[in-house]
């Protein structure tokens, strides 16, 4: 069932990471026990062939300027509602790679994952990161699908790539916090959650789990 995909956020208090599952219709969790096999087609599914690309281009200066402005507004946000509104706008910008081909493959990957075809989504996203290795959101999206498949190690690697390309990627930082805590690395989890909150304040789920980890890692003040 689709609701099962939210168990990770419920368990670790970091629903923002799972929000990355559904920017355009929702990623669903696939059946347990299905290993990711990025190099092979998912069952009988085949990857749709994208059109020949002649208009691929890097993100424009204006797109970067818009993102910078949104991040400045996010840092100055005063409450949860304002933070949510700005983060949604940022996430929409993140879905624009500047490449028509990569954007098409991304949309098909999202549709595949929404239909519980996670292995097909991985195959499509493999092609996206080859076409656009500097696109942080492509690495983030593939990490989300790896998490859905239970492959936390690959998810962590992809999230590290995402924050390397976009250090302000609060969703990827939150995902790292979720996965580090799941593996028992509380110190790294706390550091990742703090990074997310430094970029996007007033995220209640992240604030709550970070406060709890602060006590577990550093102890309660006397």
N, C-alpha and C. Protein backbone atom coordinates (compact mmCIF):
# COMPACT_ATOMS: atom_id res chain seq x y z
N UNK A 1 0.83 -1.19 0.00
CA UNK A 1 0.00 0.00 0.00
C UNK A 1 0.87 1.24 0.00
N UNK A 2 0.38 2.32 -0.62
CA UNK A 2 1.16 3.53 -0.74
C UNK A 2 1.52 4.13 0.62
N UNK A 3 0.61 4.01 1.60
CA UNK A 3 0.90 4.59 2.91
C UNK A 3 2.12 3.98 3.57
N UNK A 4 2.49 2.78 3.15
CA UNK A 4 3.67 2.15 3.74
C UNK A 4 4.92 2.94 3.45
N UNK A 5 4.93 3.73 2.38
CA UNK A 5 6.12 4.49 2.05
C UNK A 5 6.43 5.57 3.06
N UNK A 6 5.51 5.87 3.96
CA UNK A 6 5.73 6.93 4.94
C UNK A 6 6.23 6.39 6.28
N UNK A 7 6.48 5.06 6.37
CA UNK A 7 6.88 4.53 7.67
C UNK A 7 8.23 5.06 8.10
N UNK A 8 9.12 5.35 7.14
CA UNK A 8 10.44 5.84 7.48
C UNK A 8 10.36 7.20 8.14
N UNK A 9 9.54 8.08 7.59
CA UNK A 9 9.40 9.41 8.17
C UNK A 9 8.77 9.34 9.55
N UNK A 10 7.78 8.48 9.73
CA UNK A 10 7.14 8.34 11.02
C UNK A 10 8.12 7.84 12.07
N UNK A 11 8.94 6.87 11.67
CA UNK A 11 9.87 6.26 12.61
C UNK A 11 10.96 7.23 13.04
N UNK A 12 11.41 8.08 12.15
CA UNK A 12 12.56 8.92 12.45
C UNK A 12 12.23 10.40 12.54
N UNK A 13 10.96 10.76 12.39
CA UNK A 13 10.57 12.16 12.55
C UNK A 13 11.13 13.08 11.51
N UNK A 14 11.31 12.61 10.29
CA UNK A 14 11.91 13.43 9.24
C UNK A 14 11.12 13.29 7.96
N UNK A 15 9.89 13.74 7.98
CA UNK A 15 9.00 13.54 6.83
C UNK A 15 9.43 14.34 5.62
N UNK A 16 10.29 15.34 5.79
CA UNK A 16 10.72 16.13 4.64
C UNK A 16 11.41 15.25 3.62
N UNK A 17 12.22 14.29 4.06
CA UNK A 17 12.90 13.40 3.12
C UNK A 17 11.90 12.64 2.28
N UNK A 18 10.85 12.15 2.92
CA UNK A 18 9.84 11.39 2.18
C UNK A 18 9.04 12.29 1.26
N UNK A 19 9.02 13.60 1.54
CA UNK A 19 8.34 14.51 0.62
C UNK A 19 9.01 14.48 -0.75
N UNK A 20 10.30 14.13 -0.77
CA UNK A 20 10.99 14.01 -2.05
C UNK A 20 10.44 12.86 -2.88
N UNK A 21 9.66 12.00 -2.27
CA UNK A 21 9.05 10.91 -3.00
C UNK A 21 7.93 11.40 -3.90
N UNK A 22 7.38 12.57 -3.64
CA UNK A 22 6.16 12.93 -4.33
C UNK A 22 6.08 14.38 -4.80
N UNK A 23 7.09 14.90 -5.50
CA UNK A 23 6.95 16.25 -6.01
C UNK A 23 6.02 16.32 -7.22
N UNK A 24 5.89 15.20 -7.92
CA UNK A 24 5.04 15.20 -9.10
C UNK A 24 4.21 13.92 -9.09
N UNK A 25 3.35 13.78 -8.10
CA UNK A 25 2.44 12.66 -8.11
C UNK A 25 2.75 11.58 -7.12
N UNK A 26 3.98 11.49 -6.61
CA UNK A 26 4.25 10.57 -5.53
C UNK A 26 5.01 9.35 -5.97
N UNK A 27 6.08 9.04 -5.23
CA UNK A 27 6.78 7.78 -5.39
C UNK A 27 6.19 6.82 -4.38
N UNK A 28 5.97 5.60 -4.77
CA UNK A 28 5.45 4.60 -3.85
C UNK A 28 6.54 3.59 -3.54
N UNK A 29 6.42 2.95 -2.39
CA UNK A 29 7.38 1.95 -1.98
C UNK A 29 7.09 0.66 -2.71
N UNK A 30 8.12 0.04 -3.26
CA UNK A 30 7.93 -1.22 -3.95
C UNK A 30 7.86 -2.36 -2.96
N UNK A 31 7.55 -3.53 -3.47
CA UNK A 31 7.43 -4.69 -2.60
C UNK A 31 8.76 -5.00 -1.97
N UNK A 32 8.80 -5.42 -0.67
CA UNK A 32 10.06 -5.72 -0.03
C UNK A 32 10.71 -6.91 -0.68
N UNK A 33 12.05 -6.94 -0.58
CA UNK A 33 12.79 -8.07 -1.06
C UNK A 33 13.18 -7.98 -2.53
N UNK A 34 12.82 -6.89 -3.21
CA UNK A 34 13.20 -6.72 -4.60
C UNK A 34 14.51 -5.96 -4.67
N UNK A 35 15.61 -6.59 -5.04
CA UNK A 35 16.87 -5.88 -5.07
C UNK A 35 16.95 -4.92 -6.24
N UNK A 36 17.68 -3.82 -6.02
CA UNK A 36 17.91 -2.89 -7.11
C UNK A 36 18.93 -3.49 -8.05
N UNK A 37 18.70 -3.36 -9.33
CA UNK A 37 19.63 -3.87 -10.32
C UNK A 37 19.74 -2.84 -11.43
N UNK A 38 20.51 -1.77 -11.18
CA UNK A 38 20.49 -0.62 -12.06
C UNK A 38 20.86 -0.93 -13.50
N UNK A 39 21.62 -1.97 -13.72
CA UNK A 39 22.08 -2.23 -15.07
C UNK A 39 21.14 -3.05 -15.91
N UNK A 40 20.05 -3.56 -15.33
CA UNK A 40 19.16 -4.43 -16.05
C UNK A 40 17.76 -3.85 -16.10
N UNK A 41 16.99 -4.15 -17.14
CA UNK A 41 15.61 -3.68 -17.19
C UNK A 41 14.79 -4.25 -16.06
N UNK A 42 13.79 -3.50 -15.60
CA UNK A 42 12.94 -3.97 -14.52
C UNK A 42 11.88 -4.91 -15.06
N UNK A 43 12.17 -6.22 -14.97
CA UNK A 43 11.23 -7.21 -15.45
C UNK A 43 11.03 -7.06 -16.94
N UNK A 44 9.77 -7.03 -17.34
CA UNK A 44 9.46 -6.91 -18.76
C UNK A 44 9.46 -5.47 -19.23
N UNK A 45 9.68 -4.54 -18.30
CA UNK A 45 9.63 -3.13 -18.67
C UNK A 45 10.86 -2.76 -19.50
N UNK A 46 10.71 -1.83 -20.37
CA UNK A 46 11.84 -1.28 -21.11
C UNK A 46 11.84 0.22 -20.93
N UNK A 47 13.02 0.80 -21.04
CA UNK A 47 13.16 2.23 -20.87
C UNK A 47 12.73 2.93 -22.15
N UNK A 48 11.77 3.87 -22.05
CA UNK A 48 11.38 4.61 -23.26
C UNK A 48 12.57 5.38 -23.80
N UNK A 49 12.70 5.40 -25.12
CA UNK A 49 13.80 6.13 -25.74
C UNK A 49 13.47 7.61 -25.80
N UNK A 50 14.32 8.46 -25.20
CA UNK A 50 14.04 9.90 -25.28
C UNK A 50 14.28 10.41 -26.67
N UNK A 51 13.71 11.55 -26.99
CA UNK A 51 13.95 12.14 -28.30
C UNK A 51 15.38 12.62 -28.41
N UNK A 52 15.83 12.76 -29.65
CA UNK A 52 17.17 13.31 -29.84
C UNK A 52 17.21 14.72 -29.28
N UNK A 53 18.24 14.99 -28.49
CA UNK A 53 18.31 16.28 -27.82
C UNK A 53 19.20 17.23 -28.61
N UNK A 54 18.67 18.39 -28.89
CA UNK A 54 19.47 19.41 -29.55
C UNK A 54 19.41 20.72 -28.80
N UNK A 55 18.63 20.72 -27.69
CA UNK A 55 18.43 21.97 -26.96
C UNK A 55 18.98 21.90 -25.54
N UNK A 56 19.78 20.85 -25.24
CA UNK A 56 20.31 20.74 -23.88
C UNK A 56 21.18 21.95 -23.57
N UNK A 57 21.01 22.47 -22.36
CA UNK A 57 21.78 23.64 -21.95
C UNK A 57 21.90 23.64 -20.45
N UNK A 58 22.99 24.19 -19.92
CA UNK A 58 23.13 24.28 -18.46
C UNK A 58 22.13 25.26 -17.89
N UNK A 59 21.89 25.18 -16.58
CA UNK A 59 20.97 26.15 -15.96
C UNK A 59 21.42 27.57 -16.23
N UNK A 60 20.48 28.46 -16.46
CA UNK A 60 20.81 29.84 -16.78
C UNK A 60 21.14 30.62 -15.51
N UNK A 61 21.79 31.77 -15.72
CA UNK A 61 22.10 32.63 -14.59
C UNK A 61 20.83 33.09 -13.89
N UNK A 62 19.77 33.32 -14.67
CA UNK A 62 18.53 33.77 -14.05
C UNK A 62 17.94 32.70 -13.14
N UNK A 63 18.07 31.42 -13.54
CA UNK A 63 17.58 30.35 -12.69
C UNK A 63 18.35 30.29 -11.38
N UNK A 64 19.67 30.46 -11.48
CA UNK A 64 20.49 30.47 -10.27
C UNK A 64 20.11 31.67 -9.39
N UNK A 65 19.89 32.80 -10.02
CA UNK A 65 19.53 34.00 -9.26
C UNK A 65 18.20 33.81 -8.53
N UNK A 66 17.24 33.17 -9.19
CA UNK A 66 15.95 32.92 -8.55
C UNK A 66 16.12 31.99 -7.35
N UNK A 67 16.96 30.96 -7.50
CA UNK A 67 17.21 30.05 -6.39
C UNK A 67 17.88 30.79 -5.23
N UNK A 68 18.87 31.62 -5.55
CA UNK A 68 19.55 32.37 -4.49
C UNK A 68 18.57 33.25 -3.73
N UNK A 69 17.66 33.87 -4.47
CA UNK A 69 16.66 34.72 -3.82
C UNK A 69 15.74 33.90 -2.91
N UNK A 70 15.33 32.73 -3.39
CA UNK A 70 14.45 31.88 -2.59
C UNK A 70 15.16 31.39 -1.33
N UNK A 71 16.43 31.04 -1.45
CA UNK A 71 17.17 30.59 -0.27
C UNK A 71 17.36 31.72 0.74
N UNK A 72 17.53 32.93 0.25
CA UNK A 72 17.61 34.07 1.17
C UNK A 72 16.29 34.25 1.91
N UNK A 73 15.18 34.11 1.19
CA UNK A 73 13.87 34.20 1.84
C UNK A 73 13.67 33.07 2.83
N UNK A 74 14.15 31.87 2.48
CA UNK A 74 14.01 30.72 3.37
C UNK A 74 14.77 30.93 4.67
N UNK A 75 15.98 31.45 4.57
CA UNK A 75 16.78 31.69 5.78
C UNK A 75 16.12 32.69 6.70
N UNK A 76 15.35 33.61 6.13
CA UNK A 76 14.69 34.64 6.93
C UNK A 76 13.25 34.30 7.28
N UNK A 77 12.80 33.10 6.93
CA UNK A 77 11.39 32.73 7.18
C UNK A 77 11.10 32.74 8.67
N UNK A 78 9.85 33.07 9.01
CA UNK A 78 9.48 33.29 10.40
C UNK A 78 8.66 32.16 11.02
N UNK A 79 8.08 31.31 10.20
CA UNK A 79 7.25 30.26 10.77
C UNK A 79 7.17 29.07 9.83
N UNK A 80 6.50 28.02 10.29
CA UNK A 80 6.42 26.77 9.54
C UNK A 80 5.71 26.94 8.21
N UNK A 81 4.61 27.68 8.18
CA UNK A 81 3.86 27.84 6.94
C UNK A 81 4.68 28.55 5.87
N UNK A 82 5.38 29.61 6.28
CA UNK A 82 6.21 30.33 5.34
C UNK A 82 7.33 29.44 4.81
N UNK A 83 7.94 28.66 5.71
CA UNK A 83 9.00 27.74 5.31
C UNK A 83 8.49 26.73 4.30
N UNK A 84 7.32 26.16 4.55
CA UNK A 84 6.76 25.16 3.62
C UNK A 84 6.54 25.76 2.24
N UNK A 85 5.99 26.96 2.19
CA UNK A 85 5.73 27.59 0.90
C UNK A 85 7.00 27.82 0.11
N UNK A 86 8.04 28.29 0.78
CA UNK A 86 9.30 28.58 0.08
C UNK A 86 10.00 27.29 -0.33
N UNK A 87 9.97 26.28 0.52
CA UNK A 87 10.63 25.02 0.15
C UNK A 87 9.97 24.39 -1.07
N UNK A 88 8.65 24.53 -1.18
CA UNK A 88 7.97 23.99 -2.37
C UNK A 88 8.45 24.69 -3.64
N UNK A 89 8.61 26.00 -3.56
CA UNK A 89 9.09 26.75 -4.72
C UNK A 89 10.51 26.32 -5.09
N UNK A 90 11.34 26.11 -4.09
CA UNK A 90 12.72 25.67 -4.34
C UNK A 90 12.72 24.28 -4.98
N UNK A 91 11.89 23.39 -4.46
CA UNK A 91 11.84 22.03 -5.00
C UNK A 91 11.41 22.02 -6.47
N UNK A 92 10.51 22.93 -6.83
CA UNK A 92 10.11 23.03 -8.24
C UNK A 92 11.29 23.47 -9.10
N UNK A 93 12.08 24.40 -8.62
CA UNK A 93 13.26 24.85 -9.36
C UNK A 93 14.27 23.71 -9.49
N UNK A 94 14.41 22.92 -8.42
CA UNK A 94 15.36 21.81 -8.45
C UNK A 94 15.01 20.78 -9.53
N UNK A 95 13.75 20.68 -9.89
CA UNK A 95 13.33 19.72 -10.90
C UNK A 95 13.64 20.19 -12.32
N UNK A 96 14.21 21.36 -12.48
CA UNK A 96 14.56 21.90 -13.79
C UNK A 96 16.07 21.79 -13.99
N UNK A 97 16.48 20.87 -14.84
CA UNK A 97 17.91 20.62 -15.02
C UNK A 97 18.55 21.55 -16.05
N UNK A 98 17.73 22.11 -16.94
CA UNK A 98 18.28 22.85 -18.07
C UNK A 98 18.45 21.98 -19.30
N UNK A 99 18.14 20.68 -19.18
CA UNK A 99 18.22 19.74 -20.30
C UNK A 99 16.84 19.16 -20.54
N UNK A 100 16.31 19.33 -21.76
CA UNK A 100 15.01 18.76 -22.08
C UNK A 100 15.03 17.24 -21.95
N UNK A 101 16.11 16.62 -22.39
CA UNK A 101 16.20 15.16 -22.34
C UNK A 101 16.21 14.66 -20.91
N UNK A 102 17.05 15.27 -20.07
CA UNK A 102 17.14 14.85 -18.67
C UNK A 102 15.82 15.08 -17.95
N UNK A 103 15.17 16.20 -18.24
CA UNK A 103 13.88 16.48 -17.59
C UNK A 103 12.83 15.45 -17.99
N UNK A 104 12.84 15.05 -19.26
CA UNK A 104 11.89 14.04 -19.72
C UNK A 104 12.14 12.71 -19.01
N UNK A 105 13.41 12.30 -18.93
CA UNK A 105 13.73 11.05 -18.25
C UNK A 105 13.35 11.12 -16.77
N UNK A 106 13.58 12.28 -16.16
CA UNK A 106 13.21 12.44 -14.76
C UNK A 106 11.71 12.27 -14.58
N UNK A 107 10.91 12.90 -15.45
CA UNK A 107 9.46 12.78 -15.33
C UNK A 107 9.01 11.34 -15.49
N UNK A 108 9.66 10.61 -16.39
CA UNK A 108 9.31 9.20 -16.58
C UNK A 108 9.74 8.35 -15.39
N UNK A 109 10.86 8.69 -14.77
CA UNK A 109 11.31 7.98 -13.57
C UNK A 109 10.32 8.20 -12.43
N UNK A 110 9.86 9.42 -12.27
CA UNK A 110 8.88 9.72 -11.23
C UNK A 110 7.59 8.94 -11.48
N UNK A 111 7.15 8.90 -12.73
CA UNK A 111 5.95 8.15 -13.06
C UNK A 111 6.14 6.66 -12.81
N UNK A 112 7.32 6.14 -13.14
CA UNK A 112 7.58 4.72 -12.91
C UNK A 112 7.55 4.38 -11.43
N UNK A 113 8.21 5.21 -10.61
CA UNK A 113 8.21 4.95 -9.17
C UNK A 113 6.83 5.11 -8.58
N UNK A 114 6.04 6.04 -9.10
CA UNK A 114 4.67 6.21 -8.63
C UNK A 114 3.83 4.97 -8.91
N UNK A 115 4.20 4.23 -9.95
CA UNK A 115 3.47 3.02 -10.33
C UNK A 115 4.12 1.76 -9.73
N UNK A 116 4.95 1.93 -8.68
CA UNK A 116 5.61 0.81 -8.02
C UNK A 116 6.59 0.09 -8.95
N UNK A 117 7.14 0.79 -9.93
CA UNK A 117 8.13 0.20 -10.83
C UNK A 117 9.50 0.81 -10.50
N UNK A 118 9.96 0.51 -9.28
CA UNK A 118 11.16 1.16 -8.79
C UNK A 118 12.40 0.79 -9.59
N UNK A 119 12.50 -0.46 -10.05
CA UNK A 119 13.68 -0.86 -10.80
C UNK A 119 13.76 -0.10 -12.13
N UNK A 120 12.61 0.11 -12.76
CA UNK A 120 12.58 0.92 -13.97
C UNK A 120 12.96 2.36 -13.65
N UNK A 121 12.48 2.87 -12.52
CA UNK A 121 12.83 4.24 -12.11
C UNK A 121 14.34 4.36 -11.92
N UNK A 122 14.96 3.35 -11.30
CA UNK A 122 16.41 3.38 -11.11
C UNK A 122 17.12 3.40 -12.45
N UNK A 123 16.66 2.58 -13.39
CA UNK A 123 17.31 2.53 -14.70
C UNK A 123 17.22 3.88 -15.41
N UNK A 124 16.06 4.51 -15.32
CA UNK A 124 15.91 5.83 -15.93
C UNK A 124 16.80 6.87 -15.25
N UNK A 125 16.85 6.83 -13.93
CA UNK A 125 17.66 7.78 -13.19
C UNK A 125 19.15 7.54 -13.41
N UNK A 126 19.54 6.27 -13.65
CA UNK A 126 20.92 6.00 -14.03
C UNK A 126 21.30 6.81 -15.27
N UNK A 127 20.38 6.88 -16.23
CA UNK A 127 20.65 7.63 -17.46
C UNK A 127 20.68 9.13 -17.19
N UNK A 128 19.83 9.56 -16.27
CA UNK A 128 19.79 11.00 -15.95
C UNK A 128 21.13 11.44 -15.37
N UNK A 129 21.66 10.68 -14.41
CA UNK A 129 22.91 11.13 -13.76
C UNK A 129 24.10 11.04 -14.70
N UNK A 130 24.01 10.19 -15.75
CA UNK A 130 25.05 10.19 -16.77
C UNK A 130 24.95 11.45 -17.63
N UNK A 131 23.73 11.80 -18.00
CA UNK A 131 23.51 13.01 -18.82
C UNK A 131 23.82 14.29 -18.05
N UNK A 132 23.41 14.32 -16.77
CA UNK A 132 23.53 15.53 -15.96
C UNK A 132 24.16 15.19 -14.60
N UNK A 133 25.45 14.87 -14.57
CA UNK A 133 26.07 14.46 -13.31
C UNK A 133 26.12 15.56 -12.25
N UNK A 134 25.93 16.80 -12.66
CA UNK A 134 25.95 17.91 -11.71
C UNK A 134 24.56 18.29 -11.20
N UNK A 135 23.55 17.54 -11.59
CA UNK A 135 22.17 17.83 -11.19
C UNK A 135 21.89 17.18 -9.85
N UNK A 136 21.91 17.96 -8.79
CA UNK A 136 21.76 17.43 -7.43
C UNK A 136 20.45 16.68 -7.26
N UNK A 137 19.37 17.19 -7.86
CA UNK A 137 18.07 16.57 -7.66
C UNK A 137 18.00 15.18 -8.26
N UNK A 138 18.76 14.91 -9.31
CA UNK A 138 18.78 13.57 -9.89
C UNK A 138 19.37 12.57 -8.90
N UNK A 139 20.46 12.95 -8.24
CA UNK A 139 21.05 12.07 -7.22
C UNK A 139 20.10 11.91 -6.04
N UNK A 140 19.43 12.99 -5.64
CA UNK A 140 18.48 12.92 -4.54
C UNK A 140 17.33 11.97 -4.87
N UNK A 141 16.77 12.10 -6.08
CA UNK A 141 15.65 11.25 -6.46
C UNK A 141 16.07 9.78 -6.51
N UNK A 142 17.26 9.51 -7.04
CA UNK A 142 17.69 8.12 -7.09
C UNK A 142 17.90 7.57 -5.68
N UNK A 143 18.38 8.42 -4.77
CA UNK A 143 18.53 7.99 -3.38
C UNK A 143 17.20 7.62 -2.76
N UNK A 144 16.16 8.39 -3.08
CA UNK A 144 14.83 8.10 -2.55
C UNK A 144 14.34 6.74 -3.03
N UNK A 145 14.58 6.43 -4.30
CA UNK A 145 14.15 5.12 -4.81
C UNK A 145 14.98 4.01 -4.20
N UNK A 146 16.29 4.22 -4.05
CA UNK A 146 17.11 3.21 -3.38
C UNK A 146 16.60 2.96 -1.95
N UNK A 147 16.21 4.03 -1.25
CA UNK A 147 15.67 3.87 0.09
C UNK A 147 14.38 3.05 0.06
N UNK A 148 13.54 3.32 -0.92
CA UNK A 148 12.30 2.54 -1.07
C UNK A 148 12.60 1.07 -1.30
N UNK A 149 13.69 0.78 -1.99
CA UNK A 149 14.09 -0.60 -2.26
C UNK A 149 14.86 -1.22 -1.10
N UNK A 150 15.15 -0.44 -0.05
CA UNK A 150 15.89 -0.95 1.09
C UNK A 150 17.39 -0.95 0.92
N UNK A 151 17.90 -0.26 -0.11
CA UNK A 151 19.35 -0.20 -0.35
C UNK A 151 19.89 1.09 0.25
N UNK A 152 20.06 1.09 1.57
CA UNK A 152 20.46 2.31 2.27
C UNK A 152 21.87 2.75 1.91
N UNK A 153 22.77 1.81 1.66
CA UNK A 153 24.16 2.17 1.35
C UNK A 153 24.22 3.00 0.06
N UNK A 154 23.52 2.55 -0.97
CA UNK A 154 23.52 3.31 -2.23
C UNK A 154 22.78 4.62 -2.06
N UNK A 155 21.74 4.61 -1.25
CA UNK A 155 21.02 5.86 -1.00
C UNK A 155 21.94 6.89 -0.36
N UNK A 156 22.71 6.47 0.62
CA UNK A 156 23.63 7.40 1.30
C UNK A 156 24.67 7.94 0.31
N UNK A 157 25.21 7.07 -0.54
CA UNK A 157 26.18 7.53 -1.53
C UNK A 157 25.58 8.59 -2.45
N UNK A 158 24.34 8.35 -2.89
CA UNK A 158 23.70 9.31 -3.78
C UNK A 158 23.38 10.62 -3.07
N UNK A 159 22.98 10.54 -1.81
CA UNK A 159 22.70 11.77 -1.06
C UNK A 159 23.98 12.57 -0.84
N UNK A 160 25.09 11.90 -0.65
CA UNK A 160 26.36 12.61 -0.53
C UNK A 160 26.68 13.33 -1.85
N UNK A 161 26.38 12.69 -2.96
CA UNK A 161 26.59 13.36 -4.25
C UNK A 161 25.67 14.56 -4.39
N UNK A 162 24.43 14.41 -3.91
CA UNK A 162 23.48 15.52 -4.01
C UNK A 162 23.97 16.75 -3.26
N UNK A 163 24.42 16.56 -2.01
CA UNK A 163 24.85 17.73 -1.23
C UNK A 163 26.21 18.25 -1.69
N UNK A 164 26.99 17.40 -2.36
CA UNK A 164 28.23 17.89 -2.96
C UNK A 164 27.93 18.85 -4.10
N UNK A 165 26.89 18.54 -4.88
CA UNK A 165 26.51 19.40 -5.99
C UNK A 165 25.72 20.63 -5.54
N UNK A 166 24.88 20.45 -4.52
CA UNK A 166 24.07 21.55 -3.99
C UNK A 166 24.11 21.48 -2.47
N UNK A 167 25.07 22.17 -1.84
CA UNK A 167 25.20 22.11 -0.38
C UNK A 167 23.97 22.61 0.37
N UNK A 168 23.08 23.32 -0.33
CA UNK A 168 21.87 23.83 0.30
C UNK A 168 20.69 22.87 0.17
N UNK A 169 20.93 21.65 -0.25
CA UNK A 169 19.84 20.70 -0.51
C UNK A 169 19.34 20.15 0.83
N UNK A 170 18.41 20.86 1.44
CA UNK A 170 17.92 20.51 2.78
C UNK A 170 17.24 19.14 2.80
N UNK A 171 16.59 18.74 1.70
CA UNK A 171 15.96 17.43 1.67
C UNK A 171 17.00 16.32 1.69
N UNK A 172 18.08 16.50 0.95
CA UNK A 172 19.14 15.49 0.95
C UNK A 172 19.82 15.42 2.32
N UNK A 173 20.05 16.57 2.95
CA UNK A 173 20.62 16.55 4.31
C UNK A 173 19.69 15.83 5.28
N UNK A 174 18.38 16.07 5.15
CA UNK A 174 17.43 15.38 6.01
C UNK A 174 17.46 13.89 5.75
N UNK A 175 17.53 13.50 4.48
CA UNK A 175 17.63 12.08 4.15
C UNK A 175 18.86 11.43 4.74
N UNK A 176 20.00 12.14 4.69
CA UNK A 176 21.21 11.61 5.32
C UNK A 176 21.00 11.43 6.83
N UNK A 177 20.35 12.41 7.45
CA UNK A 177 20.08 12.27 8.88
C UNK A 177 19.23 11.06 9.19
N UNK A 178 18.18 10.85 8.38
CA UNK A 178 17.30 9.70 8.57
C UNK A 178 18.09 8.40 8.46
N UNK A 179 18.91 8.29 7.41
CA UNK A 179 19.61 7.04 7.17
C UNK A 179 20.76 6.82 8.15
N UNK A 180 21.46 7.89 8.52
CA UNK A 180 22.52 7.74 9.53
C UNK A 180 21.93 7.28 10.86
N UNK A 181 20.79 7.85 11.23
CA UNK A 181 20.18 7.43 12.48
C UNK A 181 19.72 5.98 12.40
N UNK A 182 19.21 5.59 11.25
CA UNK A 182 18.78 4.21 11.07
C UNK A 182 19.93 3.23 11.25
N UNK A 183 21.13 3.63 10.79
CA UNK A 183 22.29 2.76 10.91
C UNK A 183 22.98 2.87 12.27
N UNK A 184 22.49 3.75 13.15
CA UNK A 184 23.04 3.88 14.48
C UNK A 184 24.12 4.94 14.63
N UNK A 185 24.40 5.68 13.55
CA UNK A 185 25.42 6.73 13.61
C UNK A 185 24.73 8.03 14.04
N UNK A 186 24.49 8.15 15.33
CA UNK A 186 23.71 9.28 15.84
C UNK A 186 24.45 10.61 15.67
N UNK A 187 25.76 10.58 15.82
CA UNK A 187 26.53 11.83 15.71
C UNK A 187 26.42 12.39 14.30
N UNK A 188 26.59 11.53 13.29
CA UNK A 188 26.48 11.99 11.90
C UNK A 188 25.04 12.40 11.59
N UNK A 189 24.08 11.67 12.15
CA UNK A 189 22.68 12.01 11.93
C UNK A 189 22.37 13.41 12.47
N UNK A 190 22.85 13.69 13.68
CA UNK A 190 22.62 15.00 14.27
C UNK A 190 23.24 16.11 13.43
N UNK A 191 24.47 15.87 12.95
CA UNK A 191 25.14 16.87 12.12
C UNK A 191 24.36 17.12 10.84
N UNK A 192 23.82 16.07 10.24
CA UNK A 192 23.06 16.23 9.00
C UNK A 192 21.76 16.99 9.25
N UNK A 193 21.06 16.65 10.32
CA UNK A 193 19.82 17.37 10.63
C UNK A 193 20.10 18.84 10.92
N UNK A 194 21.20 19.13 11.60
CA UNK A 194 21.55 20.52 11.87
C UNK A 194 21.85 21.28 10.58
N UNK A 195 22.49 20.59 9.63
CA UNK A 195 22.73 21.23 8.33
C UNK A 195 21.41 21.57 7.66
N UNK A 196 20.45 20.65 7.70
CA UNK A 196 19.15 20.91 7.09
C UNK A 196 18.47 22.11 7.74
N UNK A 197 18.52 22.18 9.06
CA UNK A 197 17.85 23.27 9.78
C UNK A 197 18.58 24.60 9.59
N UNK A 198 19.87 24.56 9.37
CA UNK A 198 20.60 25.80 9.12
C UNK A 198 20.17 26.42 7.79
N UNK A 199 19.75 25.56 6.86
CA UNK A 199 19.31 26.03 5.55
C UNK A 199 17.83 26.36 5.56
N UNK A 200 17.04 25.48 6.17
CA UNK A 200 15.58 25.62 6.18
C UNK A 200 15.07 25.56 7.61
N UNK A 201 15.01 26.68 8.29
CA UNK A 201 14.52 26.67 9.68
C UNK A 201 13.02 26.39 9.73
N UNK A 202 12.57 26.07 10.93
CA UNK A 202 11.13 25.86 11.18
C UNK A 202 10.59 24.63 10.47
N UNK A 203 11.40 23.57 10.42
CA UNK A 203 10.91 22.27 9.95
C UNK A 203 10.63 21.44 11.20
N UNK A 204 9.35 21.35 11.63
CA UNK A 204 9.06 20.80 12.96
C UNK A 204 9.51 19.36 13.16
N UNK A 205 9.34 18.50 12.16
CA UNK A 205 9.77 17.11 12.31
C UNK A 205 11.28 17.01 12.50
N UNK A 206 12.01 17.81 11.72
CA UNK A 206 13.46 17.79 11.81
C UNK A 206 13.92 18.40 13.12
N UNK A 207 13.28 19.50 13.54
CA UNK A 207 13.63 20.12 14.82
C UNK A 207 13.43 19.13 15.97
N UNK A 208 12.34 18.39 15.92
CA UNK A 208 12.03 17.45 17.00
C UNK A 208 13.07 16.35 17.11
N UNK A 209 13.40 15.73 15.98
CA UNK A 209 14.35 14.62 16.03
C UNK A 209 15.76 15.12 16.34
N UNK A 210 16.10 16.34 15.86
CA UNK A 210 17.42 16.90 16.17
C UNK A 210 17.55 17.18 17.67
N UNK A 211 16.49 17.69 18.28
CA UNK A 211 16.52 17.96 19.72
C UNK A 211 16.70 16.66 20.51
N UNK A 212 16.03 15.61 20.06
CA UNK A 212 16.17 14.32 20.74
C UNK A 212 17.58 13.77 20.58
N UNK A 213 18.13 13.88 19.38
CA UNK A 213 19.49 13.39 19.13
C UNK A 213 20.52 14.20 19.90
N UNK A 214 20.28 15.49 20.05
CA UNK A 214 21.20 16.33 20.81
C UNK A 214 21.38 15.79 22.22
N UNK A 215 20.29 15.37 22.84
CA UNK A 215 20.35 14.80 24.18
C UNK A 215 21.07 13.46 24.16
N UNK A 216 20.76 12.63 23.15
CA UNK A 216 21.36 11.31 23.08
C UNK A 216 22.87 11.38 22.81
N UNK A 217 23.28 12.36 22.01
CA UNK A 217 24.69 12.46 21.64
C UNK A 217 25.50 13.23 22.67
N UNK A 218 24.97 14.35 23.13
CA UNK A 218 25.72 15.26 23.99
C UNK A 218 25.26 15.30 25.43
N UNK A 219 24.13 14.66 25.73
CA UNK A 219 23.62 14.64 27.09
C UNK A 219 22.77 15.87 27.38
N UNK A 220 22.00 15.77 28.43
CA UNK A 220 21.11 16.87 28.83
C UNK A 220 21.87 17.86 29.70
N UNK A 221 21.65 19.16 29.44
CA UNK A 221 22.28 20.19 30.27
C UNK A 221 21.75 20.10 31.70
N UNK A 222 22.66 20.31 32.63
CA UNK A 222 22.27 20.31 34.05
C UNK A 222 21.89 21.73 34.47
